[in-house]
Amino acid sequence: MKPTEPVWYVAYGSNLLAARFLAYITGCGDDAVWGAHRGSADATLPTGDRQVVVPYPVFFGGDSRRWNGACCFCPAEPAADDRLPVVGRAWLVTWGQMADIVAQENRLPTSAASLPDHVPGPGETVRVIDGVIDLLLGMATIDGYPACTLASSQPPPPAPPSASYRLVLAAGMAEMGLSDEVAERHLLDLDLTS
């Protein structure tokens, strides 16, 4: 794929909130709740976004310095039947921007990311960086464009999130029209420690 070709980045966790996700595109300073981000070399805003379901078992895990608690991780395995469908938000970005996004997710320079020649097919994974969130995980196309999310080959163990991280997820869900009650059910489902 050419760097300018469109791809749906299917986000979960804090990237449900527009302002937080756009830090990966346009950059932001230390005053942001999520800390400073350099942004993408191509700062063109996404040309689309929509609510989707992430068909993988996202959960709160690890201990993020950025968030002072757990954040969301996605292993590349089928979702369990006993959990709610994971709320996702698909952002239509460019293939070139995907390298910036995955690198910033891992707090690494963009040069550390190595994207394949094409987006992986649904359920296929490609290791693209030496980090915790190291996999590009293919999903079904959306409106004729390829789609993928970011996953972890060795996700950390479940752990509770910080209040600030939880609030950002709730705000992102509200931004997409979910009620407080529905958002709270989804947040509880992500917390495997409760």
N, C-alpha and C. Protein backbone atom coordinates (compact mmCIF):
# COMPACT_ATOMS: atom_id res chain seq x y z
N MET A 1 0.84 -1.20 0.00
CA MET A 1 0.00 0.00 0.00
C MET A 1 0.88 1.25 0.00
N LYS A 2 0.40 2.28 -0.67
CA LYS A 2 1.09 3.56 -0.64
C LYS A 2 0.78 4.27 0.68
N PRO A 3 1.70 5.10 1.18
CA PRO A 3 1.47 5.80 2.45
C PRO A 3 0.20 6.66 2.46
N THR A 4 -0.25 7.10 1.30
CA THR A 4 -1.43 7.97 1.24
C THR A 4 -2.74 7.21 1.13
N GLU A 5 -2.69 5.88 0.99
CA GLU A 5 -3.92 5.10 0.83
C GLU A 5 -4.69 5.02 2.15
N PRO A 6 -6.04 5.05 2.09
CA PRO A 6 -6.84 5.03 3.30
C PRO A 6 -6.95 3.66 3.94
N VAL A 7 -7.01 3.65 5.25
CA VAL A 7 -7.20 2.43 6.03
C VAL A 7 -7.98 2.81 7.29
N TRP A 8 -8.87 1.94 7.70
CA TRP A 8 -9.59 2.16 8.96
C TRP A 8 -8.75 1.63 10.11
N TYR A 9 -8.38 2.53 11.01
CA TYR A 9 -7.74 2.12 12.27
C TYR A 9 -8.85 1.95 13.28
N VAL A 10 -9.07 0.72 13.73
CA VAL A 10 -10.13 0.43 14.69
C VAL A 10 -9.57 0.56 16.10
N ALA A 11 -9.99 1.62 16.77
CA ALA A 11 -9.48 1.94 18.10
C ALA A 11 -10.40 1.40 19.19
N TYR A 12 -9.82 1.21 20.35
CA TYR A 12 -10.54 0.84 21.57
C TYR A 12 -9.88 1.61 22.69
N GLY A 13 -10.36 1.50 23.91
CA GLY A 13 -9.72 2.19 25.02
C GLY A 13 -9.81 3.69 24.89
N SER A 14 -8.73 4.38 25.27
CA SER A 14 -8.75 5.85 25.30
C SER A 14 -8.92 6.46 23.91
N ASN A 15 -8.57 5.72 22.86
CA ASN A 15 -8.69 6.26 21.51
C ASN A 15 -10.12 6.30 20.99
N LEU A 16 -11.08 5.95 21.86
CA LEU A 16 -12.49 6.18 21.53
C LEU A 16 -12.79 7.68 21.56
N LEU A 17 -12.05 8.43 22.36
CA LEU A 17 -12.26 9.87 22.50
C LEU A 17 -11.50 10.61 21.41
N ALA A 18 -12.20 11.45 20.65
CA ALA A 18 -11.59 12.13 19.51
C ALA A 18 -10.36 12.93 19.91
N ALA A 19 -10.46 13.74 20.94
CA ALA A 19 -9.33 14.59 21.32
C ALA A 19 -8.09 13.77 21.67
N ARG A 20 -8.31 12.63 22.32
CA ARG A 20 -7.17 11.79 22.69
C ARG A 20 -6.56 11.14 21.44
N PHE A 21 -7.40 10.58 20.56
CA PHE A 21 -6.87 9.95 19.36
C PHE A 21 -6.14 10.96 18.48
N LEU A 22 -6.71 12.16 18.35
CA LEU A 22 -6.11 13.15 17.46
C LEU A 22 -4.73 13.62 17.94
N ALA A 23 -4.39 13.35 19.20
CA ALA A 23 -3.03 13.65 19.67
C ALA A 23 -2.00 12.86 18.86
N TYR A 24 -2.37 11.68 18.38
CA TYR A 24 -1.47 10.88 17.55
C TYR A 24 -1.31 11.47 16.15
N ILE A 25 -2.27 12.29 15.74
CA ILE A 25 -2.24 12.88 14.40
C ILE A 25 -1.65 14.29 14.42
N THR A 26 -2.20 15.14 15.28
CA THR A 26 -1.80 16.56 15.28
C THR A 26 -0.80 16.91 16.38
N GLY A 27 -0.59 15.98 17.33
CA GLY A 27 0.31 16.24 18.44
C GLY A 27 -0.38 17.02 19.55
N CYS A 28 0.25 17.05 20.72
CA CYS A 28 -0.29 17.82 21.85
C CYS A 28 0.84 18.03 22.86
N GLY A 29 0.59 18.93 23.80
CA GLY A 29 1.59 19.26 24.80
C GLY A 29 1.42 18.49 26.10
N ASP A 30 2.29 18.77 27.05
CA ASP A 30 2.28 18.10 28.36
C ASP A 30 1.02 18.38 29.16
N ASP A 31 0.28 19.43 28.79
CA ASP A 31 -0.90 19.79 29.57
C ASP A 31 -2.07 18.84 29.34
N ALA A 32 -2.00 18.00 28.32
CA ALA A 32 -3.06 17.03 28.07
C ALA A 32 -3.04 15.93 29.13
N VAL A 33 -4.21 15.41 29.47
CA VAL A 33 -4.32 14.33 30.45
C VAL A 33 -3.46 13.14 30.05
N TRP A 34 -3.34 12.91 28.76
CA TRP A 34 -2.60 11.75 28.24
C TRP A 34 -1.14 12.08 27.94
N GLY A 35 -0.67 13.26 28.29
CA GLY A 35 0.73 13.63 28.11
C GLY A 35 1.05 14.09 26.70
N ALA A 36 2.28 14.52 26.50
CA ALA A 36 2.71 15.06 25.21
C ALA A 36 2.81 13.97 24.15
N HIS A 37 2.43 14.31 22.92
CA HIS A 37 2.58 13.44 21.76
C HIS A 37 3.14 14.25 20.61
N ARG A 38 3.99 13.66 19.80
CA ARG A 38 4.63 14.39 18.70
C ARG A 38 3.70 14.54 17.50
N GLY A 39 2.69 13.67 17.38
CA GLY A 39 1.81 13.69 16.21
C GLY A 39 2.42 12.95 15.04
N SER A 40 1.69 12.93 13.94
CA SER A 40 2.13 12.23 12.73
C SER A 40 2.85 13.16 11.78
N ALA A 41 3.72 12.59 10.97
CA ALA A 41 4.39 13.38 9.93
C ALA A 41 3.35 13.99 9.00
N ASP A 42 2.30 13.23 8.70
CA ASP A 42 1.15 13.71 7.94
C ASP A 42 0.05 14.02 8.94
N ALA A 43 -0.19 15.31 9.21
CA ALA A 43 -1.16 15.71 10.22
C ALA A 43 -2.58 15.89 9.66
N THR A 44 -2.84 15.30 8.50
CA THR A 44 -4.19 15.37 7.92
C THR A 44 -5.17 14.66 8.85
N LEU A 45 -6.28 15.33 9.15
CA LEU A 45 -7.28 14.74 10.06
C LEU A 45 -7.95 13.53 9.41
N PRO A 46 -8.43 12.58 10.22
CA PRO A 46 -9.16 11.44 9.67
C PRO A 46 -10.34 11.91 8.81
N THR A 47 -10.61 11.19 7.74
CA THR A 47 -11.69 11.58 6.83
C THR A 47 -12.99 10.88 7.16
N GLY A 48 -13.00 10.09 8.22
CA GLY A 48 -14.23 9.43 8.67
C GLY A 48 -14.02 8.80 10.03
N ASP A 49 -15.13 8.62 10.74
CA ASP A 49 -15.08 7.83 11.97
C ASP A 49 -16.46 7.27 12.24
N ARG A 50 -16.50 6.12 12.87
CA ARG A 50 -17.78 5.48 13.17
C ARG A 50 -17.62 4.47 14.30
N GLN A 51 -18.71 4.21 14.98
CA GLN A 51 -18.71 3.20 16.04
C GLN A 51 -18.73 1.81 15.40
N VAL A 52 -17.90 0.92 15.92
CA VAL A 52 -17.84 -0.46 15.43
C VAL A 52 -17.68 -1.39 16.64
N VAL A 53 -17.73 -2.67 16.38
CA VAL A 53 -17.45 -3.68 17.41
C VAL A 53 -16.07 -4.25 17.15
N VAL A 54 -15.26 -4.33 18.21
CA VAL A 54 -13.95 -4.98 18.11
C VAL A 54 -14.16 -6.46 18.47
N PRO A 55 -13.97 -7.38 17.52
CA PRO A 55 -14.28 -8.79 17.77
C PRO A 55 -13.17 -9.55 18.50
N TYR A 56 -12.49 -8.86 19.43
CA TYR A 56 -11.41 -9.47 20.19
C TYR A 56 -11.57 -9.10 21.66
N PRO A 57 -10.98 -9.86 22.58
CA PRO A 57 -11.23 -9.69 24.02
C PRO A 57 -10.40 -8.59 24.69
N VAL A 58 -10.75 -7.35 24.44
CA VAL A 58 -10.04 -6.21 25.05
C VAL A 58 -10.27 -6.20 26.56
N PHE A 59 -9.23 -5.84 27.32
CA PHE A 59 -9.35 -5.79 28.79
C PHE A 59 -8.36 -4.78 29.35
N PHE A 60 -8.61 -4.36 30.61
CA PHE A 60 -7.68 -3.49 31.31
C PHE A 60 -6.51 -4.33 31.83
N GLY A 61 -5.28 -3.88 31.57
CA GLY A 61 -4.14 -4.65 32.04
C GLY A 61 -2.89 -3.82 32.17
N GLY A 62 -1.91 -4.38 32.87
CA GLY A 62 -0.60 -3.74 33.01
C GLY A 62 -0.63 -2.53 33.93
N ASP A 63 0.40 -1.72 33.83
CA ASP A 63 0.52 -0.51 34.65
C ASP A 63 1.20 0.56 33.81
N SER A 64 0.42 1.45 33.24
CA SER A 64 0.91 2.48 32.35
C SER A 64 1.43 3.68 33.12
N ARG A 65 2.66 4.10 32.81
CA ARG A 65 3.19 5.33 33.41
C ARG A 65 2.38 6.53 32.95
N ARG A 66 1.94 6.49 31.70
CA ARG A 66 1.16 7.58 31.14
C ARG A 66 -0.15 7.78 31.90
N TRP A 67 -0.78 6.67 32.31
CA TRP A 67 -2.11 6.73 32.94
C TRP A 67 -2.08 6.45 34.43
N ASN A 68 -0.95 6.04 34.97
CA ASN A 68 -0.85 5.70 36.39
C ASN A 68 -1.85 4.60 36.78
N GLY A 69 -1.89 3.58 35.96
CA GLY A 69 -2.79 2.44 36.19
C GLY A 69 -2.87 1.63 34.91
N ALA A 70 -3.78 0.69 34.88
CA ALA A 70 -3.93 -0.17 33.72
C ALA A 70 -4.53 0.60 32.54
N CYS A 71 -4.26 0.12 31.34
CA CYS A 71 -4.93 0.64 30.15
C CYS A 71 -5.40 -0.57 29.33
N CYS A 72 -6.02 -0.32 28.19
CA CYS A 72 -6.62 -1.42 27.43
C CYS A 72 -5.60 -2.14 26.55
N PHE A 73 -5.73 -3.46 26.53
CA PHE A 73 -4.92 -4.32 25.67
C PHE A 73 -5.84 -5.28 24.93
N CYS A 74 -5.36 -5.72 23.78
CA CYS A 74 -6.13 -6.61 22.94
C CYS A 74 -5.25 -7.78 22.50
N PRO A 75 -5.51 -8.97 23.02
CA PRO A 75 -4.79 -10.13 22.49
C PRO A 75 -5.41 -10.56 21.16
N ALA A 76 -4.61 -11.16 20.31
CA ALA A 76 -5.09 -11.60 19.00
C ALA A 76 -5.71 -12.98 19.10
N GLU A 77 -6.88 -13.02 19.73
CA GLU A 77 -7.60 -14.28 19.90
C GLU A 77 -9.10 -14.00 19.86
N PRO A 78 -9.92 -15.00 19.64
CA PRO A 78 -11.36 -14.76 19.57
C PRO A 78 -11.92 -14.25 20.90
N ALA A 79 -12.97 -13.45 20.79
CA ALA A 79 -13.64 -12.94 21.99
C ALA A 79 -14.41 -14.06 22.68
N ALA A 80 -14.47 -13.99 24.00
CA ALA A 80 -15.22 -14.99 24.78
C ALA A 80 -16.71 -14.71 24.66
N ASP A 81 -17.51 -15.75 24.70
CA ASP A 81 -18.97 -15.62 24.56
C ASP A 81 -19.62 -14.94 25.75
N ASP A 82 -18.95 -14.96 26.92
CA ASP A 82 -19.58 -14.45 28.13
C ASP A 82 -19.29 -12.96 28.37
N ARG A 83 -18.71 -12.29 27.38
CA ARG A 83 -18.38 -10.86 27.54
C ARG A 83 -19.18 -10.02 26.56
N LEU A 84 -19.34 -8.74 26.91
CA LEU A 84 -20.04 -7.82 26.03
C LEU A 84 -19.21 -7.57 24.76
N PRO A 85 -19.87 -7.23 23.65
CA PRO A 85 -19.11 -6.83 22.47
C PRO A 85 -18.30 -5.57 22.79
N VAL A 86 -17.03 -5.55 22.40
CA VAL A 86 -16.16 -4.43 22.74
C VAL A 86 -16.48 -3.23 21.86
N VAL A 87 -16.70 -2.09 22.50
CA VAL A 87 -16.97 -0.85 21.78
C VAL A 87 -15.68 -0.36 21.12
N GLY A 88 -15.75 -0.13 19.81
CA GLY A 88 -14.61 0.39 19.08
C GLY A 88 -15.01 1.61 18.28
N ARG A 89 -14.02 2.34 17.84
CA ARG A 89 -14.27 3.51 16.98
C ARG A 89 -13.28 3.45 15.83
N ALA A 90 -13.80 3.34 14.62
CA ALA A 90 -12.95 3.25 13.44
C ALA A 90 -12.65 4.65 12.92
N TRP A 91 -11.37 4.92 12.75
CA TRP A 91 -10.90 6.21 12.23
C TRP A 91 -10.30 5.97 10.85
N LEU A 92 -10.75 6.72 9.84
CA LEU A 92 -10.21 6.55 8.49
C LEU A 92 -8.98 7.44 8.34
N VAL A 93 -7.82 6.80 8.40
CA VAL A 93 -6.53 7.50 8.33
C VAL A 93 -5.78 7.01 7.10
N THR A 94 -4.52 7.37 6.98
CA THR A 94 -3.72 6.87 5.86
C THR A 94 -2.80 5.75 6.37
N TRP A 95 -2.35 4.95 5.44
CA TRP A 95 -1.43 3.86 5.78
C TRP A 95 -0.14 4.42 6.38
N GLY A 96 0.30 5.56 5.89
CA GLY A 96 1.49 6.19 6.46
C GLY A 96 1.27 6.62 7.90
N GLN A 97 0.07 7.12 8.20
CA GLN A 97 -0.23 7.53 9.58
C GLN A 97 -0.26 6.34 10.53
N MET A 98 -0.57 5.14 10.03
CA MET A 98 -0.61 3.96 10.90
C MET A 98 0.76 3.71 11.53
N ALA A 99 1.84 3.97 10.80
CA ALA A 99 3.18 3.78 11.37
C ALA A 99 3.41 4.73 12.53
N ASP A 100 2.96 5.99 12.37
CA ASP A 100 3.08 6.97 13.46
C ASP A 100 2.24 6.56 14.66
N ILE A 101 1.05 6.05 14.40
CA ILE A 101 0.14 5.66 15.49
C ILE A 101 0.73 4.51 16.30
N VAL A 102 1.15 3.44 15.63
CA VAL A 102 1.68 2.28 16.36
C VAL A 102 2.96 2.65 17.10
N ALA A 103 3.79 3.50 16.51
CA ALA A 103 5.03 3.90 17.18
C ALA A 103 4.73 4.71 18.44
N GLN A 104 3.78 5.66 18.34
CA GLN A 104 3.44 6.47 19.50
C GLN A 104 2.75 5.65 20.58
N GLU A 105 1.98 4.64 20.19
CA GLU A 105 1.37 3.74 21.18
C GLU A 105 2.45 3.09 22.05
N ASN A 106 3.61 2.87 21.47
CA ASN A 106 4.70 2.21 22.17
C ASN A 106 5.78 3.18 22.65
N ARG A 107 5.52 4.48 22.51
CA ARG A 107 6.48 5.52 22.90
C ARG A 107 7.83 5.34 22.22
N LEU A 108 7.77 5.05 20.93
CA LEU A 108 8.98 4.82 20.14
C LEU A 108 8.97 5.74 18.92
N PRO A 109 10.14 5.97 18.31
CA PRO A 109 10.16 6.78 17.08
C PRO A 109 9.47 6.04 15.94
N THR A 110 8.95 6.79 15.01
CA THR A 110 8.23 6.19 13.88
C THR A 110 9.11 5.20 13.13
N SER A 111 10.40 5.46 13.07
CA SER A 111 11.32 4.57 12.36
C SER A 111 11.36 3.17 12.97
N ALA A 112 10.89 3.01 14.21
CA ALA A 112 10.88 1.69 14.85
C ALA A 112 9.77 0.79 14.30
N ALA A 113 8.77 1.39 13.67
CA ALA A 113 7.65 0.61 13.12
C ALA A 113 7.95 0.17 11.70
N SER A 114 7.59 -1.06 11.38
CA SER A 114 7.82 -1.61 10.05
C SER A 114 6.51 -2.23 9.55
N LEU A 115 5.73 -1.45 8.80
CA LEU A 115 4.45 -1.95 8.31
C LEU A 115 4.66 -2.87 7.11
N PRO A 116 3.77 -3.86 6.95
CA PRO A 116 3.86 -4.74 5.78
C PRO A 116 3.41 -4.01 4.52
N ASP A 117 3.47 -4.69 3.39
CA ASP A 117 3.08 -4.08 2.11
C ASP A 117 1.58 -3.88 1.99
N HIS A 118 0.82 -4.59 2.81
CA HIS A 118 -0.64 -4.46 2.76
C HIS A 118 -1.21 -4.74 4.15
N VAL A 119 -2.46 -4.33 4.35
CA VAL A 119 -3.13 -4.57 5.63
C VAL A 119 -3.42 -6.06 5.75
N PRO A 120 -3.15 -6.68 6.91
CA PRO A 120 -3.44 -8.10 7.07
C PRO A 120 -4.94 -8.38 6.87
N GLY A 121 -5.25 -9.58 6.41
CA GLY A 121 -6.65 -9.97 6.24
C GLY A 121 -7.32 -10.19 7.59
N PRO A 122 -8.64 -10.33 7.60
CA PRO A 122 -9.37 -10.52 8.85
C PRO A 122 -8.80 -11.67 9.69
N GLY A 123 -8.44 -11.37 10.94
CA GLY A 123 -7.91 -12.37 11.85
C GLY A 123 -6.43 -12.64 11.71
N GLU A 124 -5.79 -12.07 10.68
CA GLU A 124 -4.35 -12.26 10.49
C GLU A 124 -3.58 -11.20 11.27
N THR A 125 -2.40 -11.57 11.75
CA THR A 125 -1.56 -10.63 12.48
C THR A 125 -0.18 -10.50 11.83
N VAL A 126 0.39 -9.32 11.98
CA VAL A 126 1.76 -9.07 11.54
C VAL A 126 2.44 -8.29 12.66
N ARG A 127 3.60 -8.76 13.09
CA ARG A 127 4.36 -8.03 14.11
C ARG A 127 5.05 -6.84 13.44
N VAL A 128 4.76 -5.63 13.94
CA VAL A 128 5.23 -4.43 13.25
C VAL A 128 6.18 -3.57 14.07
N ILE A 129 6.38 -3.91 15.35
CA ILE A 129 7.25 -3.09 16.20
C ILE A 129 7.71 -3.92 17.39
N ASP A 130 8.83 -3.57 17.96
CA ASP A 130 9.33 -4.24 19.16
C ASP A 130 8.81 -3.47 20.37
N GLY A 131 7.58 -3.79 20.77
CA GLY A 131 6.95 -3.09 21.88
C GLY A 131 5.86 -3.96 22.48
N VAL A 132 5.15 -3.41 23.43
CA VAL A 132 4.06 -4.18 24.08
C VAL A 132 2.87 -4.31 23.14
N ILE A 133 2.54 -3.23 22.43
CA ILE A 133 1.45 -3.27 21.45
C ILE A 133 2.11 -3.46 20.10
N ASP A 134 2.41 -4.71 19.78
CA ASP A 134 3.34 -5.02 18.68
C ASP A 134 2.71 -5.58 17.42
N LEU A 135 1.40 -5.83 17.43
CA LEU A 135 0.76 -6.50 16.30
C LEU A 135 -0.22 -5.61 15.56
N LEU A 136 -0.21 -5.74 14.25
CA LEU A 136 -1.27 -5.20 13.41
C LEU A 136 -2.22 -6.37 13.18
N LEU A 137 -3.48 -6.21 13.55
CA LEU A 137 -4.46 -7.29 13.50
C LEU A 137 -5.55 -6.92 12.50
N GLY A 138 -5.65 -7.69 11.43
CA GLY A 138 -6.60 -7.41 10.37
C GLY A 138 -8.04 -7.64 10.78
N MET A 139 -8.93 -6.84 10.19
CA MET A 139 -10.36 -6.96 10.44
C MET A 139 -11.08 -6.92 9.09
N ALA A 140 -12.39 -7.15 9.11
CA ALA A 140 -13.18 -7.09 7.88
C ALA A 140 -13.17 -5.67 7.33
N THR A 141 -13.24 -5.55 6.01
CA THR A 141 -13.26 -4.23 5.39
C THR A 141 -14.48 -3.43 5.83
N ILE A 142 -14.35 -2.12 5.81
CA ILE A 142 -15.44 -1.20 6.13
C ILE A 142 -15.60 -0.27 4.94
N ASP A 143 -16.77 -0.27 4.34
CA ASP A 143 -17.04 0.58 3.16
C ASP A 143 -15.99 0.39 2.06
N GLY A 144 -15.52 -0.83 1.91
CA GLY A 144 -14.56 -1.13 0.85
C GLY A 144 -13.11 -0.84 1.16
N TYR A 145 -12.84 -0.27 2.33
CA TYR A 145 -11.46 0.01 2.73
C TYR A 145 -10.97 -1.02 3.74
N PRO A 146 -9.68 -1.38 3.70
CA PRO A 146 -9.17 -2.33 4.69
C PRO A 146 -9.23 -1.74 6.09
N ALA A 147 -9.30 -2.62 7.08
CA ALA A 147 -9.40 -2.20 8.49
C ALA A 147 -8.48 -3.06 9.33
N CYS A 148 -7.94 -2.46 10.38
CA CYS A 148 -7.09 -3.20 11.31
C CYS A 148 -7.12 -2.53 12.67
N THR A 149 -6.71 -3.28 13.67
CA THR A 149 -6.55 -2.73 15.01
C THR A 149 -5.14 -3.08 15.48
N LEU A 150 -4.80 -2.62 16.66
CA LEU A 150 -3.49 -2.92 17.24
C LEU A 150 -3.68 -3.91 18.39
N ALA A 151 -2.83 -4.91 18.45
CA ALA A 151 -2.96 -5.95 19.45
C ALA A 151 -1.59 -6.26 20.06
N SER A 152 -1.61 -7.14 21.05
CA SER A 152 -0.38 -7.50 21.76
C SER A 152 -0.16 -9.01 21.71
N SER A 153 1.05 -9.42 21.32
CA SER A 153 1.36 -10.85 21.29
C SER A 153 1.53 -11.39 22.71
N GLN A 154 1.97 -10.54 23.64
CA GLN A 154 2.13 -10.94 25.04
C GLN A 154 1.55 -9.84 25.95
N PRO A 155 0.22 -9.75 26.00
CA PRO A 155 -0.38 -8.69 26.81
C PRO A 155 -0.09 -8.89 28.30
N PRO A 156 -0.03 -7.80 29.06
CA PRO A 156 0.21 -7.92 30.50
C PRO A 156 -1.00 -8.51 31.21
N PRO A 157 -0.84 -8.89 32.47
CA PRO A 157 -1.98 -9.45 33.21
C PRO A 157 -3.04 -8.38 33.49
N PRO A 158 -4.28 -8.81 33.71
CA PRO A 158 -5.35 -7.87 34.04
C PRO A 158 -5.01 -7.06 35.29
N ALA A 159 -5.45 -5.81 35.30
CA ALA A 159 -5.23 -4.91 36.43
C ALA A 159 -6.27 -3.79 36.34
N PRO A 160 -6.55 -3.11 37.44
CA PRO A 160 -7.56 -2.05 37.41
C PRO A 160 -7.02 -0.76 36.77
N PRO A 161 -7.89 -0.03 36.07
CA PRO A 161 -7.46 1.22 35.45
C PRO A 161 -7.48 2.37 36.45
N SER A 162 -6.79 3.45 36.11
CA SER A 162 -6.87 4.66 36.93
C SER A 162 -8.20 5.34 36.67
N ALA A 163 -8.60 6.21 37.58
CA ALA A 163 -9.84 6.96 37.42
C ALA A 163 -9.78 7.84 36.17
N SER A 164 -8.62 8.44 35.89
CA SER A 164 -8.50 9.33 34.73
C SER A 164 -8.66 8.56 33.42
N TYR A 165 -8.10 7.35 33.35
CA TYR A 165 -8.23 6.54 32.13
C TYR A 165 -9.68 6.13 31.93
N ARG A 166 -10.32 5.71 33.00
CA ARG A 166 -11.72 5.30 32.94
C ARG A 166 -12.60 6.46 32.45
N LEU A 167 -12.31 7.67 32.94
CA LEU A 167 -13.10 8.85 32.55
C LEU A 167 -12.94 9.15 31.06
N VAL A 168 -11.73 8.97 30.52
CA VAL A 168 -11.51 9.21 29.10
C VAL A 168 -12.30 8.20 28.27
N LEU A 169 -12.32 6.94 28.68
CA LEU A 169 -13.13 5.94 27.96
C LEU A 169 -14.60 6.29 28.01
N ALA A 170 -15.08 6.66 29.19
CA ALA A 170 -16.50 7.02 29.35
C ALA A 170 -16.84 8.22 28.46
N ALA A 171 -15.94 9.20 28.40
CA ALA A 171 -16.17 10.38 27.56
C ALA A 171 -16.20 10.00 26.08
N GLY A 172 -15.34 9.08 25.67
CA GLY A 172 -15.35 8.62 24.29
C GLY A 172 -16.63 7.90 23.94
N MET A 173 -17.11 7.07 24.86
CA MET A 173 -18.38 6.37 24.61
C MET A 173 -19.54 7.35 24.55
N ALA A 174 -19.52 8.36 25.42
CA ALA A 174 -20.57 9.39 25.40
C ALA A 174 -20.54 10.15 24.08
N GLU A 175 -19.34 10.43 23.60
CA GLU A 175 -19.17 11.14 22.33
C GLU A 175 -19.82 10.37 21.18
N MET A 176 -19.84 9.04 21.29
CA MET A 176 -20.45 8.20 20.26
C MET A 176 -21.93 7.94 20.52
N GLY A 177 -22.48 8.53 21.58
CA GLY A 177 -23.92 8.42 21.83
C GLY A 177 -24.34 7.35 22.81
N LEU A 178 -23.39 6.67 23.48
CA LEU A 178 -23.77 5.67 24.47
C LEU A 178 -24.21 6.37 25.76
N SER A 179 -25.24 5.86 26.38
CA SER A 179 -25.70 6.43 27.65
C SER A 179 -24.69 6.12 28.76
N ASP A 180 -24.78 6.86 29.86
CA ASP A 180 -23.89 6.62 31.00
C ASP A 180 -24.02 5.19 31.50
N GLU A 181 -25.25 4.68 31.52
CA GLU A 181 -25.51 3.33 32.04
C GLU A 181 -24.87 2.27 31.15
N VAL A 182 -25.04 2.43 29.84
CA VAL A 182 -24.46 1.47 28.89
C VAL A 182 -22.93 1.54 28.94
N ALA A 183 -22.39 2.75 28.99
CA ALA A 183 -20.94 2.91 29.06
C ALA A 183 -20.39 2.24 30.32
N GLU A 184 -21.08 2.41 31.44
CA GLU A 184 -20.61 1.81 32.69
C GLU A 184 -20.60 0.29 32.60
N ARG A 185 -21.59 -0.30 31.97
CA ARG A 185 -21.60 -1.76 31.79
C ARG A 185 -20.39 -2.21 30.98
N HIS A 186 -20.07 -1.46 29.93
CA HIS A 186 -18.91 -1.82 29.11
C HIS A 186 -17.60 -1.64 29.88
N LEU A 187 -17.52 -0.59 30.67
CA LEU A 187 -16.30 -0.37 31.47
C LEU A 187 -16.10 -1.48 32.50
N LEU A 188 -17.19 -1.91 33.12
CA LEU A 188 -17.10 -3.01 34.08
C LEU A 188 -16.68 -4.30 33.40
N ASP A 189 -17.14 -4.51 32.17
CA ASP A 189 -16.80 -5.73 31.43
C ASP A 189 -15.32 -5.77 31.05
N LEU A 190 -14.70 -4.58 30.86
CA LEU A 190 -13.28 -4.53 30.52
C LEU A 190 -12.39 -4.83 31.72
N ASP A 191 -12.94 -4.69 32.93
CA ASP A 191 -12.16 -4.86 34.16
C ASP A 191 -12.29 -6.30 34.65
N LEU A 192 -11.32 -7.12 34.29
CA LEU A 192 -11.35 -8.54 34.66
C LEU A 192 -10.96 -8.76 36.12
N THR A 193 -10.55 -7.68 36.81
CA THR A 193 -10.15 -7.82 38.22
C THR A 193 -11.31 -7.56 39.18
N SER A 194 -12.43 -7.07 38.65
CA SER A 194 -13.55 -6.73 39.55
C SER A 194 -14.46 -7.93 39.79
